[in-house]
C-alpha atoms as a PDB file:
ATOM      1  CA  MET A   1     -34.910  65.355 -39.687  1.00  0.00           C
ATOM      2  CA  SER A   2     -36.254  61.875 -40.315  1.00  0.00           C
ATOM      3  CA  TYR A   3     -38.416  60.103 -37.739  1.00  0.00           C
ATOM      4  CA  PHE A   4     -37.430  56.747 -39.283  1.00  0.00           C
ATOM      5  CA  LYS A   5     -33.997  55.113 -39.094  1.00  0.00           C
ATOM      6  CA  GLN A   6     -33.352  51.761 -40.725  1.00  0.00           C
ATOM      7  CA  LEU A   7     -31.470  49.315 -38.514  1.00  0.00           C
ATOM      8  CA  HIS A   8     -28.999  46.805 -39.924  1.00  0.00           C
ATOM      9  CA  ASP A   9     -27.746  45.065 -36.772  1.00  0.00           C
ATOM     10  CA  LEU A  10     -30.744  42.833 -35.980  1.00  0.00           C
ATOM     11  CA  PRO A  11     -31.445  39.391 -37.451  1.00  0.00           C
ATOM     12  CA  ILE A  12     -33.658  39.048 -40.522  1.00  0.00           C
ATOM     13  CA  LEU A  13     -35.747  35.934 -39.937  1.00  0.00           C
ATOM     14  CA  ASP A  14     -38.860  34.550 -41.637  1.00  0.00           C
ATOM     15  CA  LEU A  15     -41.308  35.487 -38.897  1.00  0.00           C
ATOM     16  CA  GLU A  16     -44.286  35.199 -41.270  1.00  0.00           C
ATOM     17  CA  LYS A  17     -43.611  31.492 -41.799  1.00  0.00           C
ATOM     18  CA  GLU A  18     -43.027  30.966 -38.052  1.00  0.00           C
ATOM     19  CA  LEU A  19     -46.228  32.830 -37.201  1.00  0.00           C
ATOM     20  CA  ASN A  20     -48.263  30.875 -39.766  1.00  0.00           C
ATOM     21  CA  GLN A  21     -46.978  27.598 -38.285  1.00  0.00           C
ATOM     22  CA  MET A  22     -47.917  28.705 -34.775  1.00  0.00           C
ATOM     23  CA  PHE A  23     -51.437  29.610 -35.917  1.00  0.00           C
ATOM     24  CA  SER A  24     -51.854  26.365 -37.862  1.00  0.00           C
ATOM     25  CA  LYS A  25     -50.807  24.370 -34.765  1.00  0.00           C
ATOM     26  CA  LYS A  26     -53.325  26.447 -32.757  1.00  0.00           C
ATOM     27  CA  LEU A  27     -50.598  27.684 -30.403  1.00  0.00           C
ATOM     28  CA  LEU A  28     -51.743  31.283 -30.977  1.00  0.00           C
ATOM     29  CA  SER A  29     -54.897  33.173 -31.838  1.00  0.00           C
ATOM     30  CA  TRP A  30     -55.757  36.823 -32.263  1.00  0.00           C
ATOM     31  CA  GLY A  31     -58.649  36.370 -29.844  1.00  0.00           C
ATOM     32  CA  ASN A  32     -61.091  39.197 -30.460  1.00  0.00           C
ATOM     33  CA  GLY A  33     -58.408  41.754 -31.165  1.00  0.00           C
ATOM     34  CA  ASN A  34     -55.526  42.757 -33.348  1.00  0.00           C
ATOM     35  CA  GLN A  35     -52.562  42.357 -30.980  1.00  0.00           C
ATOM     36  CA  ILE A  36     -50.524  39.572 -29.414  1.00  0.00           C
ATOM     37  CA  CYS A  37     -47.870  40.344 -26.798  1.00  0.00           C
ATOM     38  CA  VAL A  38     -44.637  38.394 -27.303  1.00  0.00           C
ATOM     39  CA  ASN A  39     -43.364  39.251 -23.825  1.00  0.00           C
ATOM     40  CA  THR A  40     -45.342  39.307 -20.611  1.00  0.00           C
ATOM     41  CA  LEU A  41     -45.371  39.871 -16.875  1.00  0.00           C
ATOM     42  CA  PRO A  42     -43.381  37.396 -14.738  1.00  0.00           C
ATOM     43  CA  THR A  43     -46.628  36.578 -12.892  1.00  0.00           C
ATOM     44  CA  HIS A  44     -48.415  35.636 -16.169  1.00  0.00           C
ATOM     45  CA  PRO A  45     -45.897  33.601 -18.246  1.00  0.00           C
ATOM     46  CA  ASP A  46     -48.573  32.068 -20.509  1.00  0.00           C
ATOM     47  CA  ASP A  47     -50.702  35.189 -21.108  1.00  0.00           C
ATOM     48  CA  TYR A  48     -49.998  36.720 -24.502  1.00  0.00           C
ATOM     49  CA  PHE A  49     -52.983  39.084 -24.281  1.00  0.00           C
ATOM     50  CA  ILE A  50     -52.139  40.810 -20.977  1.00  0.00           C
ATOM     51  CA  GLY A  51     -49.971  43.413 -22.714  1.00  0.00           C
ATOM     52  CA  VAL A  52     -52.295  44.358 -25.561  1.00  0.00           C
ATOM     53  CA  GLY A  53     -53.884  47.774 -25.957  1.00  0.00           C
ATOM     54  CA  SER A  54     -53.242  50.809 -23.826  1.00  0.00           C
ATOM     55  CA  LEU A  55     -51.441  50.412 -20.517  1.00  0.00           C
ATOM     56  CA  TRP A  56     -53.045  53.591 -19.163  1.00  0.00           C
ATOM     57  CA  LEU A  57     -56.476  53.991 -20.809  1.00  0.00           C
ATOM     58  CA  ASP A  58     -59.350  51.564 -20.180  1.00  0.00           C
ATOM     59  CA  TRP A  59     -60.751  51.149 -23.692  1.00  0.00           C
ATOM     60  CA  ASP A  60     -62.745  48.063 -22.634  1.00  0.00           C
ATOM     61  CA  ASN A  61     -65.030  50.248 -20.490  1.00  0.00           C
ATOM     62  CA  LYS A  62     -65.324  53.268 -22.774  1.00  0.00           C
ATOM     63  CA  LYS A  63     -68.581  55.252 -22.725  1.00  0.00           C
ATOM     64  CA  GLU A  64     -70.148  56.356 -25.980  1.00  0.00           C
ATOM     65  CA  ILE A  65     -71.466  59.911 -26.014  1.00  0.00           C
ATOM     66  CA  LYS A  66     -73.758  61.056 -28.831  1.00  0.00           C
ATOM     67  CA  LEU A  67     -73.242  64.714 -29.615  1.00  0.00           C
ATOM     68  CA  SER A  68     -75.991  67.098 -30.731  1.00  0.00           C
ATOM     69  CA  ASP A  69     -74.740  66.974 -34.330  1.00  0.00           C
ATOM     70  CA  GLY A  70     -75.176  63.172 -34.363  1.00  0.00           C
ATOM     71  CA  SER A  71     -71.475  62.366 -34.144  1.00  0.00           C
ATOM     72  CA  ILE A  72     -70.059  60.073 -31.474  1.00  0.00           C
ATOM     73  CA  GLU A  73     -67.346  60.811 -28.940  1.00  0.00           C
ATOM     74  CA  TYR A  74     -65.839  58.398 -26.422  1.00  0.00           C
ATOM     75  CA  ASP A  75     -65.197  58.987 -22.737  1.00  0.00           C
ATOM     76  CA  ILE A  76     -62.250  56.800 -21.773  1.00  0.00           C
ATOM     77  CA  SER A  77     -61.133  56.607 -18.169  1.00  0.00           C
ATOM     78  CA  GLU A  78     -57.656  55.760 -16.938  1.00  0.00           C
ATOM     79  CA  ARG A  79     -56.963  52.242 -15.686  1.00  0.00           C
ATOM     80  CA  GLU A  80     -57.042  51.731 -11.918  1.00  0.00           C
ATOM     81  CA  ASN A  81     -53.702  49.896 -11.961  1.00  0.00           C
ATOM     82  CA  PRO A  82     -51.731  51.015 -15.006  1.00  0.00           C
ATOM     83  CA  ARG A  83     -48.612  49.069 -15.906  1.00  0.00           C
ATOM     84  CA  GLU A  84     -45.286  50.291 -17.206  1.00  0.00           C
ATOM     85  CA  GLU A  85     -43.686  49.132 -20.454  1.00  0.00           C
ATOM     86  CA  THR A  86     -40.724  47.649 -18.588  1.00  0.00           C
ATOM     87  CA  ASP A  87     -43.045  45.480 -16.443  1.00  0.00           C
ATOM     88  CA  PHE A  88     -43.186  43.117 -19.453  1.00  0.00           C
ATOM     89  CA  SER A  89     -39.853  41.520 -18.724  1.00  0.00           C
ATOM     90  CA  ILE A  90     -40.082  37.865 -19.790  1.00  0.00           C
ATOM     91  CA  LEU A  91     -40.826  36.051 -23.026  1.00  0.00           C
ATOM     92  CA  CYS A  92     -44.267  34.397 -23.164  1.00  0.00           C
ATOM     93  CA  ASN A  93     -43.879  30.638 -22.890  1.00  0.00           C
ATOM     94  CA  VAL A  94     -45.546  29.995 -26.256  1.00  0.00           C
ATOM     95  CA  PHE A  95     -42.686  31.843 -27.998  1.00  0.00           C
ATOM     96  CA  ARG A  96     -39.893  29.833 -26.374  1.00  0.00           C
ATOM     97  CA  ASP A  97     -37.772  27.817 -28.825  1.00  0.00           C
ATOM     98  CA  THR A  98     -39.090  29.801 -31.796  1.00  0.00           C
ATOM     99  CA  LEU A  99     -37.591  32.474 -34.037  1.00  0.00           C
ATOM    100  CA  PHE A 100     -39.381  35.011 -31.839  1.00  0.00           C
ATOM    101  CA  GLU A 101     -37.138  34.004 -28.925  1.00  0.00           C
ATOM    102  CA  GLU A 102     -34.073  34.639 -31.085  1.00  0.00           C
ATOM    103  CA  ILE A 103     -35.432  38.086 -31.986  1.00  0.00           C
ATOM    104  CA  TYR A 104     -36.337  38.803 -28.343  1.00  0.00           C
ATOM    105  CA  LEU A 105     -32.823  37.934 -27.124  1.00  0.00           C
ATOM    106  CA  SER A 106     -31.195  40.013 -29.849  1.00  0.00           C
ATOM    107  CA  LEU A 107     -33.376  43.043 -29.066  1.00  0.00           C
ATOM    108  CA  LYS A 108     -32.842  42.608 -25.323  1.00  0.00           C
ATOM    109  CA  SER A 109     -29.050  42.626 -25.800  1.00  0.00           C
ATOM    110  CA  LYS A 110     -29.220  46.063 -27.472  1.00  0.00           C
ATOM    111  CA  TYR A 111     -32.197  47.903 -25.929  1.00  0.00           C
ATOM    112  CA  THR A 112     -34.152  48.417 -22.736  1.00  0.00           C
ATOM    113  CA  LEU A 113     -37.381  46.804 -23.860  1.00  0.00           C
ATOM    114  CA  GLY A 114     -41.000  47.417 -23.110  1.00  0.00           C
ATOM    115  CA  ARG A 115     -43.736  45.376 -24.744  1.00  0.00           C
ATOM    116  CA  ILE A 116     -43.054  43.507 -27.949  1.00  0.00           C
ATOM    117  CA  ARG A 117     -46.302  43.019 -29.817  1.00  0.00           C
ATOM    118  CA  LEU A 118     -47.565  41.541 -33.016  1.00  0.00           C
ATOM    119  CA  MET A 119     -49.910  44.191 -34.386  1.00  0.00           C
ATOM    120  CA  LYS A 120     -52.386  43.408 -37.131  1.00  0.00           C
ATOM    121  CA  MET A 121     -54.247  45.981 -39.204  1.00  0.00           C
ATOM    122  CA  LYS A 122     -57.206  45.037 -41.336  1.00  0.00           C
ATOM    123  CA  PRO A 123     -57.329  46.284 -44.937  1.00  0.00           C
ATOM    124  CA  LYS A 124     -58.602  49.819 -45.484  1.00  0.00           C
ATOM    125  CA  THR A 125     -58.100  50.942 -41.855  1.00  0.00           C
ATOM    126  CA  CYS A 126     -56.252  53.696 -39.998  1.00  0.00           C
ATOM    127  CA  LEU A 127     -55.146  54.212 -36.390  1.00  0.00           C
ATOM    128  CA  SER A 128     -55.973  57.350 -34.426  1.00  0.00           C
ATOM    129  CA  TRP A 129     -53.614  60.339 -34.497  1.00  0.00           C
ATOM    130  CA  HIS A 130     -51.676  59.751 -31.262  1.00  0.00           C
ATOM    131  CA  GLN A 131     -48.367  60.054 -29.423  1.00  0.00           C
ATOM    132  CA  ASP A 132     -46.398  57.341 -27.631  1.00  0.00           C
ATOM    133  CA  VAL A 133     -44.422  57.616 -24.402  1.00  0.00           C
ATOM    134  CA  CYS A 134     -41.434  55.728 -25.811  1.00  0.00           C
ATOM    135  CA  ASN A 135     -39.990  55.036 -29.235  1.00  0.00           C
ATOM    136  CA  ARG A 136     -40.780  51.938 -31.285  1.00  0.00           C
ATOM    137  CA  ILE A 137     -38.882  49.479 -33.421  1.00  0.00           C
ATOM    138  CA  HIS A 138     -40.895  48.007 -36.302  1.00  0.00           C
ATOM    139  CA  PHE A 139     -40.291  44.807 -38.236  1.00  0.00           C
ATOM    140  CA  PRO A 140     -42.900  44.406 -41.010  1.00  0.00           C
ATOM    141  CA  ILE A 141     -43.849  40.731 -41.206  1.00  0.00           C
ATOM    142  CA  LYS A 142     -46.668  41.103 -43.705  1.00  0.00           C
ATOM    143  CA  THR A 143     -47.081  44.335 -45.639  1.00  0.00           C
ATOM    144  CA  GLU A 144     -48.114  45.855 -48.953  1.00  0.00           C
ATOM    145  CA  PRO A 145     -47.112  49.098 -50.704  1.00  0.00           C
ATOM    146  CA  GLY A 146     -50.309  50.758 -49.369  1.00  0.00           C
ATOM    147  CA  CYS A 147     -49.249  50.167 -45.757  1.00  0.00           C
ATOM    148  CA  LEU A 148     -47.851  53.444 -44.484  1.00  0.00           C
ATOM    149  CA  MET A 149     -46.782  55.069 -41.261  1.00  0.00           C
ATOM    150  CA  ILE A 150     -47.041  58.826 -40.877  1.00  0.00           C
ATOM    151  CA  ILE A 151     -45.073  60.615 -38.172  1.00  0.00           C
ATOM    152  CA  ASP A 152     -45.732  64.346 -38.041  1.00  0.00           C
ATOM    153  CA  ASN A 153     -45.582  65.111 -41.776  1.00  0.00           C
ATOM    154  CA  GLU A 154     -43.236  62.282 -42.841  1.00  0.00           C
ATOM    155  CA  VAL A 155     -44.749  59.286 -44.657  1.00  0.00           C
ATOM    156  CA  LYS A 156     -42.914  55.943 -44.859  1.00  0.00           C
ATOM    157  CA  HIS A 157     -43.620  52.490 -46.247  1.00  0.00           C
ATOM    158  CA  MET A 158     -41.441  50.017 -44.371  1.00  0.00           C
ATOM    159  CA  PRO A 159     -40.724  47.004 -46.613  1.00  0.00           C
ATOM    160  CA  LYS A 160     -41.151  43.443 -45.377  1.00  0.00           C
ATOM    161  CA  ASN A 161     -38.302  41.995 -43.281  1.00  0.00           C
ATOM    162  CA  THR A 162     -36.576  45.310 -42.531  1.00  0.00           C
ATOM    163  CA  TRP A 163     -35.955  46.851 -39.109  1.00  0.00           C
ATOM    164  CA  TRP A 164     -36.914  50.475 -38.371  1.00  0.00           C
ATOM    165  CA  TYR A 165     -36.301  52.606 -35.290  1.00  0.00           C
ATOM    166  CA  THR A 166     -39.154  55.131 -35.161  1.00  0.00           C
ATOM    167  CA  ASN A 167     -39.413  58.300 -33.105  1.00  0.00           C
ATOM    168  CA  THR A 168     -43.063  58.085 -32.044  1.00  0.00           C
ATOM    169  CA  PHE A 169     -43.080  60.948 -29.540  1.00  0.00           C
ATOM    170  CA  PRO A 170     -44.633  63.271 -32.160  1.00  0.00           C
ATOM    171  CA  TYR A 171     -48.195  62.664 -33.327  1.00  0.00           C
ATOM    172  CA  HIS A 172     -48.395  59.765 -35.750  1.00  0.00           C
ATOM    173  CA  THR A 173     -50.632  57.107 -37.271  1.00  0.00           C
ATOM    174  CA  ALA A 174     -50.505  53.959 -39.382  1.00  0.00           C
ATOM    175  CA  ILE A 175     -52.635  53.328 -42.452  1.00  0.00           C
ATOM    176  CA  ASN A 176     -53.394  50.101 -44.249  1.00  0.00           C
ATOM    177  CA  ALA A 177     -54.729  51.275 -47.598  1.00  0.00           C
ATOM    178  CA  SER A 178     -54.140  47.859 -49.160  1.00  0.00           C
ATOM    179  CA  LYS A 179     -56.590  44.991 -49.656  1.00  0.00           C
ATOM    180  CA  LEU A 180     -54.627  42.589 -47.411  1.00  0.00           C
ATOM    181  CA  GLU A 181     -53.937  42.567 -43.679  1.00  0.00           C
ATOM    182  CA  ARG A 182     -50.728  44.100 -42.396  1.00  0.00           C
ATOM    183  CA  ILE A 183     -48.728  42.565 -39.516  1.00  0.00           C
ATOM    184  CA  HIS A 184     -45.783  44.259 -37.812  1.00  0.00           C
ATOM    185  CA  LEU A 185     -43.673  43.189 -34.869  1.00  0.00           C
ATOM    186  CA  VAL A 186     -43.612  46.399 -32.800  1.00  0.00           C
ATOM    187  CA  CYS A 187     -41.180  46.817 -29.926  1.00  0.00           C
ATOM    188  CA  SER A 188     -41.422  49.571 -27.344  1.00  0.00           C
ATOM    189  CA  VAL A 189     -37.927  50.702 -26.428  1.00  0.00           C
ATOM    190  CA  GLU A 190     -36.692  52.898 -23.619  1.00  0.00           C
ATOM    191  CA  SER A 191     -33.216  53.312 -25.105  1.00  0.00           C
END
């Protein structure tokens, strides 16, 4: 069984060029993080950071615990008011009249969407071994052969400008073993 299924019914658009133009016009920034949310809450139409990170865990207020062997562990509490993926139901204003709106509308016509995020990984980094509460669709915008996703024991490099439906219920991670940053458009999908 493969945890990755390539999709062929979504538009292939030059999101890297569009993204570079938005950054050069200073319409977007990464802020202090590695995520930008393409869709948002109806009450925050201009906030493209409100949907970044965990919806349930409060990583901003984590407590560092030094263990007797010198290693470090983190105590992470749950958010007081967690949100649901489907709460992110409108396109952020900054993405209107861009290729991202075309992608958003195409995805919305086929899937029940949660957050749609731009996710950047620095070179020579790895995410934690974790599980998601819904599946993901990936569209690699900027990638290198050393950029890999591992789900359970299956390893996949997703080439640039291809769509992938990923079963992320099992434990998984992403690795950027290259010397360049990796950027994926990652869509949480309920169906």
